Amino acid sequence: MIDSIYNEGGGTPIEFDPKKLKYNSDGIPILSAREIEAVANELLQKYCSNVLHKPSMTPVVEIIRRLGERTGLLFAIEDLGHKGTAKVLGKVSFHKKTLYLDTSLDNELKAAFRFTAAHEIGHWVLHRYNYKNWKFQSHNETSGGLQDDDSTLCRLENRTQSDWLEFQANVFAASLVTPREMFIVALKQIQKTIGIDKNIGRIYLSNAPYSRRDYETTVSQLAQVFHISKKSVRVRTRTLRLIEGEDRSENKTCRINPFTVLTSLQN
C-alpha cells in the first residue's frame, strides 16, 4: 500500500495526502482498487462515519459541502450540454474548483445523481494535484478538468490513459456509495430475514426457481438500503465476488473485467 494511505508497520490508516501519490510517465496516479477503496473509506470516516457502521445511503451532497469547507470545492447544477451526441452528466473543473452535475439528474435520491456525484468527487480527490502534468489530451484545456458523459461513465474497454482516470473514479464512486463491509453486513441481514441459512454473506445461485426468487428479493432490498439501482447491486455483488453456484450465465457475467462492470453503477 502507498504510505500516504497506510503506515507500513501495522497498517494503521493515516490521512490521505494526494501530494504524496506516485504517478506513471503520463501523470496518472498509481493506485490499486483496494488503495482507492481505502481513500473513499477515509473520506466517509471523516465526513459521514455512520455509513461505515450501519448500512445506509451515502449523503454525497453533504460530502461535497464538507469538501467545500476543507478544500474550497464549489458545487453547481447546470445544463452541461452534449459532447457530440452524448449528454454530459457531470464534470469537475480543477481551475475553477467546481464540481458540476447536469440538470437532467434531478435530485440526490436518484441513483444516477448519486453515482455521478461520487464519480466526480473521485476525480477531485484523486486527480486534482497533478492534472497540469498529464501528457495526453483527455481533459478540457479551457477549464482544466474532466467531463463525463455516458461513454466515460459506462464504457472503458479501450483502456487509454483517460480510461485509467475514469476507472479510478468509478472504483472510488462504488466504494463511496456502497462501502464493502456495510454492503456485506446488509446482505447478511437481508438473507436472514428472508430465511436463508446457508452461505450467509455470499449469494449462491442455481437454476432452481426458488434460488432466482431469493436472489431477486435480495437485490431489491439491497437497492432500497443503499438507494441505488438493482443493476448497481448486481454489479457490486459481482465486483466483490460474492456470487457462487451453478447459474452459468450469472457466473459468466461475474468474470467480466472490472473495466466493463464497475461503470454500470450510475444507471
Protein backbone atom coordinates (compact mmCIF):
# COMPACT_ATOMS: atom_id res chain seq x y z
CA MET A 1 0.00 0.00 0.00
CA ILE A 2 1.20 3.52 -0.58
CA ASP A 3 2.43 5.14 2.61
CA SER A 4 0.07 8.11 2.20
CA ILE A 5 -2.81 5.70 2.92
CA TYR A 6 -1.30 3.22 5.39
CA ASN A 7 1.68 3.10 7.69
CA GLU A 8 3.99 0.31 6.61
CA GLY A 9 4.17 -1.14 10.12
CA GLY A 10 0.79 -2.19 11.43
CA GLY A 11 -1.38 -0.98 8.58
CA THR A 12 -2.89 1.82 10.68
CA PRO A 13 -4.82 4.26 8.46
CA ILE A 14 -3.36 7.76 8.27
CA GLU A 15 -4.62 10.80 6.41
CA PHE A 16 -4.58 10.53 2.64
CA ASP A 17 -2.35 13.14 1.00
CA PRO A 18 -2.66 13.40 -2.81
CA LYS A 19 0.65 15.26 -2.94
CA LYS A 20 2.43 12.06 -1.92
CA LEU A 21 0.99 9.91 -4.68
CA LYS A 22 3.27 8.24 -7.19
CA TYR A 23 2.50 8.78 -10.87
CA ASN A 24 3.24 6.94 -14.09
CA SER A 25 5.02 8.52 -17.04
CA ASP A 26 1.75 10.06 -18.29
CA GLY A 27 0.94 11.65 -14.95
CA ILE A 28 -1.72 9.12 -13.88
CA PRO A 29 -1.76 8.20 -10.15
CA ILE A 30 -0.53 4.68 -9.45
CA LEU A 31 -3.29 3.17 -7.31
CA SER A 32 -4.78 -0.27 -6.84
CA ALA A 33 -8.53 -0.75 -6.41
CA ARG A 34 -8.04 -1.53 -2.71
CA GLU A 35 -5.98 1.62 -2.22
CA ILE A 36 -8.72 3.69 -3.85
CA GLU A 37 -11.26 1.98 -1.61
CA ALA A 38 -9.16 2.95 1.41
CA VAL A 39 -9.21 6.60 0.32
CA ALA A 40 -13.00 6.51 -0.12
CA ASN A 41 -13.41 4.93 3.31
CA GLU A 42 -11.24 7.61 4.88
CA LEU A 43 -13.46 10.28 3.33
CA LEU A 44 -16.56 8.54 4.70
CA GLN A 45 -14.97 8.23 8.13
CA LYS A 46 -14.18 11.93 8.14
CA TYR A 47 -17.49 13.32 6.88
CA CYS A 48 -20.25 10.75 7.48
CA SER A 49 -18.86 7.91 9.59
CA ASN A 50 -22.30 6.48 10.31
CA VAL A 51 -22.42 4.89 6.84
CA LEU A 52 -19.40 2.78 7.82
CA HIS A 53 -21.22 1.44 10.88
CA LYS A 54 -24.75 0.94 9.56
CA PRO A 55 -25.87 0.09 6.00
CA SER A 56 -27.45 3.28 4.67
CA MET A 57 -27.46 5.88 1.90
CA THR A 58 -24.24 7.84 1.49
CA PRO A 59 -25.02 11.61 1.61
CA VAL A 60 -22.98 12.67 -1.41
CA VAL A 61 -24.16 16.30 -1.36
CA GLU A 62 -23.11 16.62 2.28
CA ILE A 63 -19.69 15.23 1.35
CA ILE A 64 -19.37 17.83 -1.42
CA ARG A 65 -20.32 20.56 1.08
CA ARG A 66 -17.72 19.36 3.58
CA LEU A 67 -15.09 19.16 0.85
CA GLY A 68 -16.01 22.74 0.00
CA GLU A 69 -15.26 23.81 3.54
CA ARG A 70 -11.97 21.93 3.61
CA THR A 71 -10.64 22.29 0.06
CA GLY A 72 -12.61 25.16 -1.48
CA LEU A 73 -14.62 22.91 -3.84
CA LEU A 74 -17.74 24.60 -5.23
CA PHE A 75 -20.88 22.81 -6.43
CA ALA A 76 -23.23 23.74 -9.27
CA ILE A 77 -26.13 22.11 -11.11
CA GLU A 78 -26.33 23.30 -14.71
CA ASP A 79 -27.29 22.18 -18.18
CA LEU A 80 -23.93 20.77 -19.22
CA GLY A 81 -24.88 20.26 -22.83
CA HIS A 82 -23.56 17.48 -25.06
CA LYS A 83 -20.23 16.12 -26.17
CA GLY A 84 -21.03 15.10 -29.70
CA THR A 85 -24.32 13.22 -29.35
CA ALA A 86 -23.69 12.16 -25.75
CA LYS A 87 -25.21 14.07 -22.82
CA VAL A 88 -22.61 15.37 -20.39
CA LEU A 89 -23.75 14.24 -16.93
CA GLY A 90 -21.01 15.64 -14.74
CA LYS A 91 -17.68 17.39 -14.80
CA VAL A 92 -15.10 18.83 -12.48
CA SER A 93 -13.03 21.94 -13.17
CA PHE A 94 -9.74 21.95 -11.32
CA HIS A 95 -9.03 25.59 -12.28
CA LYS A 96 -12.40 26.81 -11.03
CA LYS A 97 -12.51 24.34 -8.13
CA THR A 98 -16.05 23.42 -9.13
CA LEU A 99 -17.96 20.14 -9.40
CA TYR A 100 -20.84 20.30 -11.87
CA LEU A 101 -23.83 17.96 -12.29
CA ASP A 102 -26.28 18.15 -15.15
CA THR A 103 -29.86 19.28 -14.52
CA SER A 104 -31.14 16.03 -16.04
CA LEU A 105 -30.02 14.14 -12.92
CA ASP A 106 -32.74 15.91 -10.89
CA ASN A 107 -32.08 15.11 -7.23
CA GLU A 108 -29.86 13.32 -4.72
CA LEU A 109 -32.21 10.37 -4.25
CA LYS A 110 -31.73 9.24 -7.84
CA ALA A 111 -29.07 6.59 -8.39
CA ALA A 112 -27.70 8.43 -11.44
CA PHE A 113 -27.29 11.67 -9.46
CA ARG A 114 -25.57 10.00 -6.55
CA PHE A 115 -23.16 7.83 -8.54
CA THR A 116 -22.21 10.63 -10.93
CA ALA A 117 -21.59 12.95 -7.96
CA ALA A 118 -19.46 10.28 -6.28
CA HIS A 119 -17.55 9.78 -9.54
CA GLU A 120 -16.74 13.50 -9.80
CA ILE A 121 -15.75 13.56 -6.12
CA GLY A 122 -13.32 10.78 -7.02
CA HIS A 123 -11.75 12.95 -9.73
CA TRP A 124 -11.42 15.84 -7.28
CA VAL A 125 -9.87 13.78 -4.50
CA LEU A 126 -7.56 11.61 -6.63
CA HIS A 127 -6.64 13.74 -9.63
CA ARG A 128 -6.57 17.44 -8.82
CA TYR A 129 -2.91 17.71 -7.80
CA ASN A 130 -1.22 16.52 -10.98
CA TYR A 131 -3.58 17.39 -13.85
CA LYS A 132 -1.22 20.05 -15.23
CA ASN A 133 1.36 17.32 -15.81
CA TRP A 134 -0.88 14.95 -17.80
CA LYS A 135 0.78 14.03 -21.09
CA PHE A 136 -2.39 13.23 -23.02
CA GLN A 137 -5.31 15.29 -24.32
CA SER A 138 -8.27 13.95 -22.32
CA HIS A 139 -9.10 16.94 -20.20
CA ASN A 140 -10.81 20.19 -21.08
CA GLU A 141 -7.96 22.59 -21.72
CA THR A 142 -10.04 25.70 -21.01
CA SER A 143 -11.44 24.58 -17.66
CA GLY A 144 -8.53 22.42 -16.53
CA GLY A 145 -10.71 19.48 -15.65
CA LEU A 146 -12.68 16.44 -16.78
CA GLN A 147 -16.17 15.98 -18.10
CA ASP A 148 -18.13 12.73 -18.12
CA ASP A 149 -20.86 11.50 -20.41
CA ASP A 150 -22.35 8.05 -20.86
CA SER A 151 -19.25 6.82 -22.69
CA THR A 152 -16.78 7.71 -19.92
CA LEU A 153 -19.15 6.55 -17.21
CA CYS A 154 -20.18 3.32 -18.91
CA ARG A 155 -17.51 2.04 -21.31
CA LEU A 156 -13.82 1.64 -20.61
CA GLU A 157 -12.84 -1.15 -22.99
CA ASN A 158 -10.05 0.75 -24.74
CA ARG A 159 -8.12 1.47 -21.55
CA THR A 160 -6.43 4.63 -22.73
CA GLN A 161 -4.78 6.92 -20.20
CA SER A 162 -8.10 8.74 -19.91
CA ASP A 163 -9.80 5.39 -19.24
CA TRP A 164 -7.49 4.77 -16.30
CA LEU A 165 -8.62 8.07 -14.78
CA GLU A 166 -12.26 7.07 -15.28
CA PHE A 167 -11.64 3.59 -13.86
CA GLN A 168 -10.13 5.10 -10.72
CA ALA A 169 -13.07 7.49 -10.32
CA ASN A 170 -15.53 4.63 -10.80
CA VAL A 171 -13.84 2.43 -8.21
CA PHE A 172 -13.89 5.39 -5.83
CA ALA A 173 -17.59 6.05 -6.52
CA ALA A 174 -18.56 2.41 -5.98
CA SER A 175 -16.67 2.37 -2.68
CA LEU A 176 -18.31 5.64 -1.62
CA VAL A 177 -21.95 4.74 -2.29
CA THR A 178 -21.69 1.04 -1.35
CA PRO A 179 -18.90 0.58 1.24
CA ARG A 180 -17.65 -3.00 1.06
CA GLU A 181 -18.11 -4.01 4.72
CA MET A 182 -21.56 -2.46 5.09
CA PHE A 183 -22.69 -3.98 1.80
CA ILE A 184 -21.83 -7.42 3.14
CA VAL A 185 -23.44 -6.64 6.52
CA ALA A 186 -26.64 -5.63 4.72
CA LEU A 187 -26.50 -8.77 2.57
CA LYS A 188 -26.28 -10.98 5.66
CA GLN A 189 -29.14 -9.17 7.38
CA ILE A 190 -31.41 -9.50 4.36
CA GLN A 191 -30.56 -13.16 3.87
CA LYS A 192 -31.56 -13.90 7.45
CA THR A 193 -34.86 -12.02 7.17
CA ILE A 194 -35.90 -13.97 4.07
CA GLY A 195 -34.97 -17.30 5.63
CA ILE A 196 -31.63 -18.09 4.03
CA ASP A 197 -29.47 -20.01 6.50
CA LYS A 198 -26.63 -21.24 4.28
CA ASN A 199 -23.79 -19.35 2.60
CA ILE A 200 -24.61 -16.26 4.66
CA GLY A 201 -22.71 -13.30 3.30
CA ARG A 202 -22.47 -14.83 -0.15
CA ILE A 203 -25.05 -15.42 -2.86
CA TYR A 204 -25.47 -18.97 -4.10
CA LEU A 205 -27.24 -19.09 -7.46
CA SER A 206 -28.66 -22.15 -9.12
CA ASN A 207 -31.14 -22.64 -11.93
CA ALA A 208 -33.88 -23.53 -9.43
CA PRO A 209 -36.83 -21.07 -9.34
CA TYR A 210 -36.50 -20.56 -5.56
CA SER A 211 -32.84 -19.59 -5.99
CA ARG A 212 -33.64 -16.97 -8.60
CA ARG A 213 -36.53 -15.69 -6.47
CA ASP A 214 -34.33 -15.30 -3.39
CA TYR A 215 -31.68 -13.58 -5.48
CA GLU A 216 -34.13 -11.03 -6.89
CA THR A 217 -35.55 -10.36 -3.42
CA THR A 218 -32.06 -9.82 -2.05
CA VAL A 219 -31.16 -7.47 -4.91
CA SER A 220 -34.34 -5.41 -4.43
CA GLN A 221 -33.81 -4.99 -0.70
CA LEU A 222 -30.14 -4.07 -1.06
CA ALA A 223 -31.13 -1.43 -3.61
CA GLN A 224 -33.56 0.06 -1.08
CA VAL A 225 -30.99 0.09 1.73
CA PHE A 226 -28.33 1.98 -0.26
CA HIS A 227 -30.69 3.95 -2.53
CA ILE A 228 -29.08 2.56 -5.65
CA SER A 229 -30.48 0.75 -8.67
CA LYS A 230 -30.96 -3.01 -8.86
CA LYS A 231 -28.42 -3.06 -11.66
CA SER A 232 -25.98 -1.35 -9.32
CA VAL A 233 -26.49 -4.08 -6.73
CA ARG A 234 -25.86 -6.81 -9.29
CA VAL A 235 -22.68 -5.09 -10.39
CA ARG A 236 -21.44 -4.66 -6.81
CA THR A 237 -22.06 -8.31 -5.92
CA ARG A 238 -20.03 -9.33 -8.98
CA THR A 239 -17.11 -6.98 -8.46
CA LEU A 240 -16.93 -8.07 -4.80
CA ARG A 241 -17.07 -11.71 -5.97
CA LEU A 242 -19.99 -12.57 -3.72
CA ILE A 243 -21.78 -14.89 -6.16
CA GLU A 244 -21.27 -18.63 -6.28
CA GLY A 245 -23.25 -21.50 -7.72
CA GLU A 246 -24.47 -23.31 -10.79
CA ASP A 247 -26.04 -20.48 -12.78
CA ARG A 248 -23.53 -20.35 -15.61
CA SER A 249 -24.96 -17.22 -17.22
CA GLU A 250 -24.63 -15.26 -13.97
CA ASN A 251 -21.18 -16.65 -13.19
CA LYS A 252 -20.02 -15.86 -16.70
CA THR A 253 -21.08 -12.27 -16.12
CA CYS A 254 -19.16 -12.31 -12.83
CA ARG A 255 -15.95 -12.89 -14.70
CA ILE A 256 -16.28 -9.71 -16.75
CA ASN A 257 -13.32 -7.43 -16.24
CA PRO A 258 -13.96 -4.61 -13.74
CA PHE A 259 -13.29 -2.09 -16.53
CA THR A 260 -16.58 -3.14 -18.15
CA VAL A 261 -18.58 -3.84 -14.99
CA LEU A 262 -17.93 -1.22 -12.32
CA THR A 263 -19.13 1.59 -14.51
CA SER A 264 -22.75 0.41 -14.63
CA LEU A 265 -23.36 1.69 -11.11
CA GLN A 266 -24.71 5.05 -12.20
CA ASN A 267 -27.71 3.54 -14.02
